Amino acid sequence: MSSVECLHEAVRMLVAERQALHARNASHDELESNRLALAGRQRQLSHALSIVTFAAPNSPGKTVQKGRHRADD
């Protein structure tokens, strides 16, 4: 499993945990702890995705220009 996949799974688990916390009316401190963990994992996932996207050689149908990645129409 790649680091991107691991991070995506961690985000998914934190979201499920957050939903369970809300369902049981968890305390503000519990929700805040989960929010901070979730935000951190989302930042890590975003960073990992940008590395994978911009570090990979151009594939057919995709271009990288001035730090932007887009599919050709």
PDB file of N, CA and C in Angstrom:
ATOM      1  N   MET A   1       0.858  -1.173   0.000  1.00  0.00           N
ATOM      2  CA  MET A   1       0.000   0.000   0.000  1.00  0.00           C
ATOM      3  C   MET A   1       0.906   1.238   0.000  1.00  0.00           C
ATOM      4  N   SER A   2       0.629   2.185  -0.878  1.00  0.00           N
ATOM      5  CA  SER A   2       1.449   3.395  -0.970  1.00  0.00           C
ATOM      6  C   SER A   2       1.169   4.332   0.198  1.00  0.00           C
ATOM      7  N   SER A   3       2.062   5.294   0.389  1.00  0.00           N
ATOM      8  CA  SER A   3       1.851   6.256   1.471  1.00  0.00           C
ATOM      9  C   SER A   3       0.568   7.059   1.246  1.00  0.00           C
ATOM     10  N   VAL A   4       0.258   7.353  -0.009  1.00  0.00           N
ATOM     11  CA  VAL A   4      -0.987   8.076  -0.308  1.00  0.00           C
ATOM     12  C   VAL A   4      -2.184   7.238   0.121  1.00  0.00           C
ATOM     13  N   GLU A   5      -2.141   5.951  -0.196  1.00  0.00           N
ATOM     14  CA  GLU A   5      -3.254   5.074   0.195  1.00  0.00           C
ATOM     15  C   GLU A   5      -3.363   4.951   1.715  1.00  0.00           C
ATOM     16  N   CYS A   6      -2.221   4.862   2.388  1.00  0.00           N
ATOM     17  CA  CYS A   6      -2.224   4.780   3.858  1.00  0.00           C
ATOM     18  C   CYS A   6      -2.800   6.055   4.467  1.00  0.00           C
ATOM     19  N   LEU A   7      -2.399   7.193   3.937  1.00  0.00           N
ATOM     20  CA  LEU A   7      -2.907   8.461   4.451  1.00  0.00           C
ATOM     21  C   LEU A   7      -4.399   8.604   4.176  1.00  0.00           C
ATOM     22  N   HIS A   8      -4.824   8.183   2.990  1.00  0.00           N
ATOM     23  CA  HIS A   8      -6.250   8.247   2.656  1.00  0.00           C
ATOM     24  C   HIS A   8      -7.051   7.378   3.621  1.00  0.00           C
ATOM     25  N   GLU A   9      -6.537   6.202   3.941  1.00  0.00           N
ATOM     26  CA  GLU A   9      -7.214   5.318   4.887  1.00  0.00           C
ATOM     27  C   GLU A   9      -7.250   5.949   6.282  1.00  0.00           C
ATOM     28  N   ALA A  10      -6.163   6.594   6.687  1.00  0.00           N
ATOM     29  CA  ALA A  10      -6.129   7.255   8.000  1.00  0.00           C
ATOM     30  C   ALA A  10      -7.161   8.374   8.063  1.00  0.00           C
ATOM     31  N   VAL A  11      -7.303   9.145   6.990  1.00  0.00           N
ATOM     32  CA  VAL A  11      -8.306  10.211   6.936  1.00  0.00           C
ATOM     33  C   VAL A  11      -9.701   9.599   7.027  1.00  0.00           C
ATOM     34  N   ARG A  12      -9.916   8.531   6.282  1.00  0.00           N
ATOM     35  CA  ARG A  12     -11.225   7.868   6.302  1.00  0.00           C
ATOM     36  C   ARG A  12     -11.574   7.398   7.715  1.00  0.00           C
ATOM     37  N   MET A  13     -10.604   6.832   8.411  1.00  0.00           N
ATOM     38  CA  MET A  13     -10.842   6.348   9.769  1.00  0.00           C
ATOM     39  C   MET A  13     -11.117   7.496  10.740  1.00  0.00           C
ATOM     40  N   LEU A  14     -10.395   8.598  10.591  1.00  0.00           N
ATOM     41  CA  LEU A  14     -10.622   9.755  11.460  1.00  0.00           C
ATOM     42  C   LEU A  14     -11.999  10.378  11.211  1.00  0.00           C
ATOM     43  N   VAL A  15     -12.440  10.375   9.964  1.00  0.00           N
ATOM     44  CA  VAL A  15     -13.782  10.883   9.649  1.00  0.00           C
ATOM     45  C   VAL A  15     -14.839   9.988  10.294  1.00  0.00           C
ATOM     46  N   ALA A  16     -14.657   8.677  10.202  1.00  0.00           N
ATOM     47  CA  ALA A  16     -15.605   7.746  10.830  1.00  0.00           C
ATOM     48  C   ALA A  16     -15.615   7.942  12.346  1.00  0.00           C
ATOM     49  N   GLU A  17     -14.425   8.138  12.915  1.00  0.00           N
ATOM     50  CA  GLU A  17     -14.343   8.389  14.354  1.00  0.00           C
ATOM     51  C   GLU A  17     -15.071   9.682  14.717  1.00  0.00           C
ATOM     52  N   ARG A  18     -14.915  10.710  13.893  1.00  0.00           N
ATOM     53  CA  ARG A  18     -15.563  12.000  14.158  1.00  0.00           C
ATOM     54  C   ARG A  18     -17.082  11.853  14.126  1.00  0.00           C
ATOM     55  N   GLN A  19     -17.575  11.098  13.160  1.00  0.00           N
ATOM     56  CA  GLN A  19     -19.014  10.869  13.079  1.00  0.00           C
ATOM     57  C   GLN A  19     -19.518  10.131  14.319  1.00  0.00           C
ATOM     58  N   ALA A  20     -18.738   9.160  14.793  1.00  0.00           N
ATOM     59  CA  ALA A  20     -19.121   8.429  16.001  1.00  0.00           C
ATOM     60  C   ALA A  20     -19.086   9.357  17.224  1.00  0.00           C
ATOM     61  N   LEU A  21     -18.098  10.231  17.279  1.00  0.00           N
ATOM     62  CA  LEU A  21     -18.021  11.193  18.385  1.00  0.00           C
ATOM     63  C   LEU A  21     -19.252  12.091  18.409  1.00  0.00           C
ATOM     64  N   HIS A  22     -19.633  12.575  17.229  1.00  0.00           N
ATOM     65  CA  HIS A  22     -20.840  13.412  17.153  1.00  0.00           C
ATOM     66  C   HIS A  22     -22.079  12.620  17.568  1.00  0.00           C
ATOM     67  N   ALA A  23     -22.161  11.376  17.133  1.00  0.00           N
ATOM     68  CA  ALA A  23     -23.331  10.553  17.432  1.00  0.00           C
ATOM     69  C   ALA A  23     -23.499  10.319  18.927  1.00  0.00           C
ATOM     70  N   ARG A  24     -22.401  10.261  19.650  1.00  0.00           N
ATOM     71  CA  ARG A  24     -22.497  10.030  21.095  1.00  0.00           C
ATOM     72  C   ARG A  24     -22.325  11.311  21.907  1.00  0.00           C
ATOM     73  N   ASN A  25     -22.448  12.454  21.218  1.00  0.00           N
ATOM     74  CA  ASN A  25     -22.348  13.756  21.890  1.00  0.00           C
ATOM     75  C   ASN A  25     -21.065  13.886  22.714  1.00  0.00           C
ATOM     76  N   ALA A  26     -19.943  13.616  22.055  1.00  0.00           N
ATOM     77  CA  ALA A  26     -18.639  13.678  22.720  1.00  0.00           C
ATOM     78  C   ALA A  26     -18.341  15.097  23.191  1.00  0.00           C
ATOM     79  N   SER A  27     -17.402  15.184  24.102  1.00  0.00           N
ATOM     80  CA  SER A  27     -17.028  16.493  24.651  1.00  0.00           C
ATOM     81  C   SER A  27     -16.306  17.341  23.604  1.00  0.00           C
ATOM     82  N   HIS A  28     -16.260  18.625  23.885  1.00  0.00           N
ATOM     83  CA  HIS A  28     -15.552  19.556  23.009  1.00  0.00           C
ATOM     84  C   HIS A  28     -14.089  19.145  22.863  1.00  0.00           C
ATOM     85  N   ASP A  29     -13.463  18.735  23.955  1.00  0.00           N
ATOM     86  CA  ASP A  29     -12.045  18.348  23.917  1.00  0.00           C
ATOM     87  C   ASP A  29     -11.810  17.132  23.023  1.00  0.00           C
ATOM     88  N   GLU A  30     -12.724  16.148  23.080  1.00  0.00           N
ATOM     89  CA  GLU A  30     -12.592  14.967  22.219  1.00  0.00           C
ATOM     90  C   GLU A  30     -12.741  15.347  20.746  1.00  0.00           C
ATOM     91  N   LEU A  31     -13.736  16.194  20.466  1.00  0.00           N
ATOM     92  CA  LEU A  31     -13.947  16.629  19.089  1.00  0.00           C
ATOM     93  C   LEU A  31     -12.765  17.457  18.581  1.00  0.00           C
ATOM     94  N   GLU A  32     -12.234  18.308  19.444  1.00  0.00           N
ATOM     95  CA  GLU A  32     -11.109  19.151  19.041  1.00  0.00           C
ATOM     96  C   GLU A  32      -9.867  18.307  18.771  1.00  0.00           C
ATOM     97  N   SER A  33      -9.635  17.316  19.581  1.00  0.00           N
ATOM     98  CA  SER A  33      -8.500  16.420  19.378  1.00  0.00           C
ATOM     99  C   SER A  33      -8.622  15.701  18.033  1.00  0.00           C
ATOM    100  N   ASN A  34      -9.820  15.218  17.742  1.00  0.00           N
ATOM    101  CA  ASN A  34     -10.066  14.545  16.469  1.00  0.00           C
ATOM    102  C   ASN A  34      -9.914  15.529  15.306  1.00  0.00           C
ATOM    103  N   ARG A  35     -10.421  16.742  15.468  1.00  0.00           N
ATOM    104  CA  ARG A  35     -10.324  17.747  14.400  1.00  0.00           C
ATOM    105  C   ARG A  35      -8.873  18.049  14.064  1.00  0.00           C
ATOM    106  N   LEU A  36      -8.050  18.197  15.088  1.00  0.00           N
ATOM    107  CA  LEU A  36      -6.637  18.486  14.859  1.00  0.00           C
ATOM    108  C   LEU A  36      -5.929  17.319  14.179  1.00  0.00           C
ATOM    109  N   ALA A  37      -6.243  16.100  14.603  1.00  0.00           N
ATOM    110  CA  ALA A  37      -5.648  14.915  13.976  1.00  0.00           C
ATOM    111  C   ALA A  37      -6.083  14.811  12.517  1.00  0.00           C
ATOM    112  N   LEU A  38      -7.359  15.054  12.268  1.00  0.00           N
ATOM    113  CA  LEU A  38      -7.894  14.986  10.909  1.00  0.00           C
ATOM    114  C   LEU A  38      -7.259  16.047  10.014  1.00  0.00           C
ATOM    115  N   ALA A  39      -7.159  17.256  10.504  1.00  0.00           N
ATOM    116  CA  ALA A  39      -6.548  18.336   9.711  1.00  0.00           C
ATOM    117  C   ALA A  39      -5.084  18.015   9.393  1.00  0.00           C
ATOM    118  N   GLY A  40      -4.375  17.461  10.356  1.00  0.00           N
ATOM    119  CA  GLY A  40      -2.979  17.094  10.124  1.00  0.00           C
ATOM    120  C   GLY A  40      -2.837  16.021   9.060  1.00  0.00           C
ATOM    121  N   ARG A  41      -3.663  14.989   9.139  1.00  0.00           N
ATOM    122  CA  ARG A  41      -3.614  13.909   8.136  1.00  0.00           C
ATOM    123  C   ARG A  41      -4.022  14.434   6.761  1.00  0.00           C
ATOM    124  N   GLN A  42      -5.010  15.334   6.710  1.00  0.00           N
ATOM    125  CA  GLN A  42      -5.422  15.898   5.422  1.00  0.00           C
ATOM    126  C   GLN A  42      -4.289  16.708   4.803  1.00  0.00           C
ATOM    127  N   ARG A  43      -3.549  17.453   5.624  1.00  0.00           N
ATOM    128  CA  ARG A  43      -2.383  18.188   5.111  1.00  0.00           C
ATOM    129  C   ARG A  43      -1.333  17.230   4.573  1.00  0.00           C
ATOM    130  N   GLN A  44      -1.076  16.153   5.308  1.00  0.00           N
ATOM    131  CA  GLN A  44      -0.097  15.165   4.863  1.00  0.00           C
ATOM    132  C   GLN A  44      -0.536  14.521   3.548  1.00  0.00           C
ATOM    133  N   LEU A  45      -1.820  14.204   3.453  1.00  0.00           N
ATOM    134  CA  LEU A  45      -2.344  13.602   2.227  1.00  0.00           C
ATOM    135  C   LEU A  45      -2.214  14.562   1.054  1.00  0.00           C
ATOM    136  N   SER A  46      -2.558  15.807   1.265  1.00  0.00           N
ATOM    137  CA  SER A  46      -2.439  16.814   0.209  1.00  0.00           C
ATOM    138  C   SER A  46      -0.995  16.937  -0.266  1.00  0.00           C
ATOM    139  N   HIS A  47      -0.063  16.967   0.671  1.00  0.00           N
ATOM    140  CA  HIS A  47       1.359  17.067   0.329  1.00  0.00           C
ATOM    141  C   HIS A  47       1.808  15.826  -0.451  1.00  0.00           C
ATOM    142  N   ALA A  48       1.421  14.647   0.013  1.00  0.00           N
ATOM    143  CA  ALA A  48       1.801  13.406  -0.660  1.00  0.00           C
ATOM    144  C   ALA A  48       1.236  13.348  -2.075  1.00  0.00           C
ATOM    145  N   LEU A  49      -0.005  13.787  -2.234  1.00  0.00           N
ATOM    146  CA  LEU A  49      -0.613  13.796  -3.575  1.00  0.00           C
ATOM    147  C   LEU A  49       0.097  14.766  -4.512  1.00  0.00           C
ATOM    148  N   SER A  50       0.497  15.925  -3.999  1.00  0.00           N
ATOM    149  CA  SER A  50       1.183  16.876  -4.877  1.00  0.00           C
ATOM    150  C   SER A  50       2.559  16.357  -5.264  1.00  0.00           C
ATOM    151  N   ILE A  51       3.224  15.636  -4.375  1.00  0.00           N
ATOM    152  CA  ILE A  51       4.522  15.049  -4.723  1.00  0.00           C
ATOM    153  C   ILE A  51       4.341  14.001  -5.810  1.00  0.00           C
ATOM    154  N   VAL A  52       3.361  13.129  -5.647  1.00  0.00           N
ATOM    155  CA  VAL A  52       3.106  12.083  -6.634  1.00  0.00           C
ATOM    156  C   VAL A  52       2.718  12.700  -7.973  1.00  0.00           C
ATOM    157  N   THR A  53       1.872  13.717  -7.941  1.00  0.00           N
ATOM    158  CA  THR A  53       1.383  14.341  -9.171  1.00  0.00           C
ATOM    159  C   THR A  53       2.477  15.090  -9.912  1.00  0.00           C
ATOM    160  N   PHE A  54       3.250  15.894  -9.201  1.00  0.00           N
ATOM    161  CA  PHE A  54       4.220  16.755  -9.868  1.00  0.00           C
ATOM    162  C   PHE A  54       5.583  16.117 -10.040  1.00  0.00           C
ATOM    163  N   ALA A  55       5.887  15.064  -9.309  1.00  0.00           N
ATOM    164  CA  ALA A  55       7.176  14.403  -9.447  1.00  0.00           C
ATOM    165  C   ALA A  55       7.155  13.356 -10.551  1.00  0.00           C
ATOM    166  N   ALA A  56       5.975  12.873 -10.898  1.00  0.00           N
ATOM    167  CA  ALA A  56       5.855  11.847 -11.928  1.00  0.00           C
ATOM    168  C   ALA A  56       6.116  12.453 -13.302  1.00  0.00           C
ATOM    169  N   PRO A  57       6.769  11.681 -14.178  1.00  0.00           N
ATOM    170  CA  PRO A  57       6.956  12.188 -15.545  1.00  0.00           C
ATOM    171  C   PRO A  57       5.598  12.382 -16.222  1.00  0.00           C
ATOM    172  N   ASN A  58       5.579  13.295 -17.164  1.00  0.00           N
ATOM    173  CA  ASN A  58       4.320  13.550 -17.884  1.00  0.00           C
ATOM    174  C   ASN A  58       3.842  12.279 -18.556  1.00  0.00           C
ATOM    175  N   SER A  59       2.577  12.017 -18.414  1.00  0.00           N
ATOM    176  CA  SER A  59       1.985  10.886 -19.102  1.00  0.00           C
ATOM    177  C   SER A  59       1.165  11.429 -20.264  1.00  0.00           C
ATOM    178  N   PRO A  60       0.860  10.604 -21.248  1.00  0.00           N
ATOM    179  CA  PRO A  60       0.077  11.089 -22.394  1.00  0.00           C
ATOM    180  C   PRO A  60      -1.222  11.731 -21.939  1.00  0.00           C
ATOM    181  N   GLY A  61      -1.516  12.870 -22.514  1.00  0.00           N
ATOM    182  CA  GLY A  61      -2.760  13.560 -22.207  1.00  0.00           C
ATOM    183  C   GLY A  61      -2.679  14.492 -21.018  1.00  0.00           C
ATOM    184  N   LYS A  62      -1.518  14.575 -20.382  1.00  0.00           N
ATOM    185  CA  LYS A  62      -1.372  15.466 -19.234  1.00  0.00           C
ATOM    186  C   LYS A  62      -0.157  16.355 -19.440  1.00  0.00           C
ATOM    187  N   THR A  63      -0.268  17.586 -18.978  1.00  0.00           N
ATOM    188  CA  THR A  63       0.854  18.512 -19.068  1.00  0.00           C
ATOM    189  C   THR A  63       1.064  19.184 -17.724  1.00  0.00           C
ATOM    190  N   VAL A  64       2.270  19.632 -17.515  1.00  0.00           N
ATOM    191  CA  VAL A  64       2.595  20.397 -16.319  1.00  0.00           C
ATOM    192  C   VAL A  64       3.141  21.726 -16.799  1.00  0.00           C
ATOM    193  N   GLN A  65       2.487  22.805 -16.422  1.00  0.00           N
ATOM    194  CA  GLN A  65       2.910  24.136 -16.825  1.00  0.00           C
ATOM    195  C   GLN A  65       2.875  25.059 -15.627  1.00  0.00           C
ATOM    196  N   LYS A  66       3.980  25.738 -15.361  1.00  0.00           N
ATOM    197  CA  LYS A  66       4.051  26.727 -14.288  1.00  0.00           C
ATOM    198  C   LYS A  66       3.441  26.205 -12.994  1.00  0.00           C
ATOM    199  N   GLY A  67       3.820  24.958 -12.620  1.00  0.00           N
ATOM    200  CA  GLY A  67       3.352  24.405 -11.368  1.00  0.00           C
ATOM    201  C   GLY A  67       1.912  23.939 -11.370  1.00  0.00           C
ATOM    202  N   ARG A  68       1.298  23.910 -12.534  1.00  0.00           N
ATOM    203  CA  ARG A  68      -0.095  23.465 -12.597  1.00  0.00           C
ATOM    204  C   ARG A  68      -0.159  22.169 -13.376  1.00  0.00           C
ATOM    205  N   HIS A  69      -1.078  21.328 -13.008  1.00  0.00           N
ATOM    206  CA  HIS A  69      -1.247  20.034 -13.649  1.00  0.00           C
ATOM    207  C   HIS A  69      -2.654  19.981 -14.195  1.00  0.00           C
ATOM    208  N   ARG A  70      -2.794  19.679 -15.459  1.00  0.00           N
ATOM    209  CA  ARG A  70      -4.140  19.636 -16.034  1.00  0.00           C
ATOM    210  C   ARG A  70      -4.188  18.602 -17.133  1.00  0.00           C
ATOM    211  N   ALA A  71      -5.350  18.099 -17.397  1.00  0.00           N
ATOM    212  CA  ALA A  71      -5.557  17.173 -18.508  1.00  0.00           C
ATOM    213  C   ALA A  71      -5.811  17.976 -19.769  1.00  0.00           C
ATOM    214  N   ASP A  72      -5.200  17.563 -20.861  1.00  0.00           N
ATOM    215  CA  ASP A  72      -5.452  18.247 -22.134  1.00  0.00           C
ATOM    216  C   ASP A  72      -6.848  17.912 -22.618  1.00  0.00           C
ATOM    217  N   ASP A  73      -7.504  18.883 -23.206  1.00  0.00           N
ATOM    218  CA  ASP A  73      -8.849  18.652 -23.756  1.00  0.00           C
ATOM    219  C   ASP A  73      -8.756  18.275 -25.205  1.00  0.00           C
TER     220      ASP A  73
END
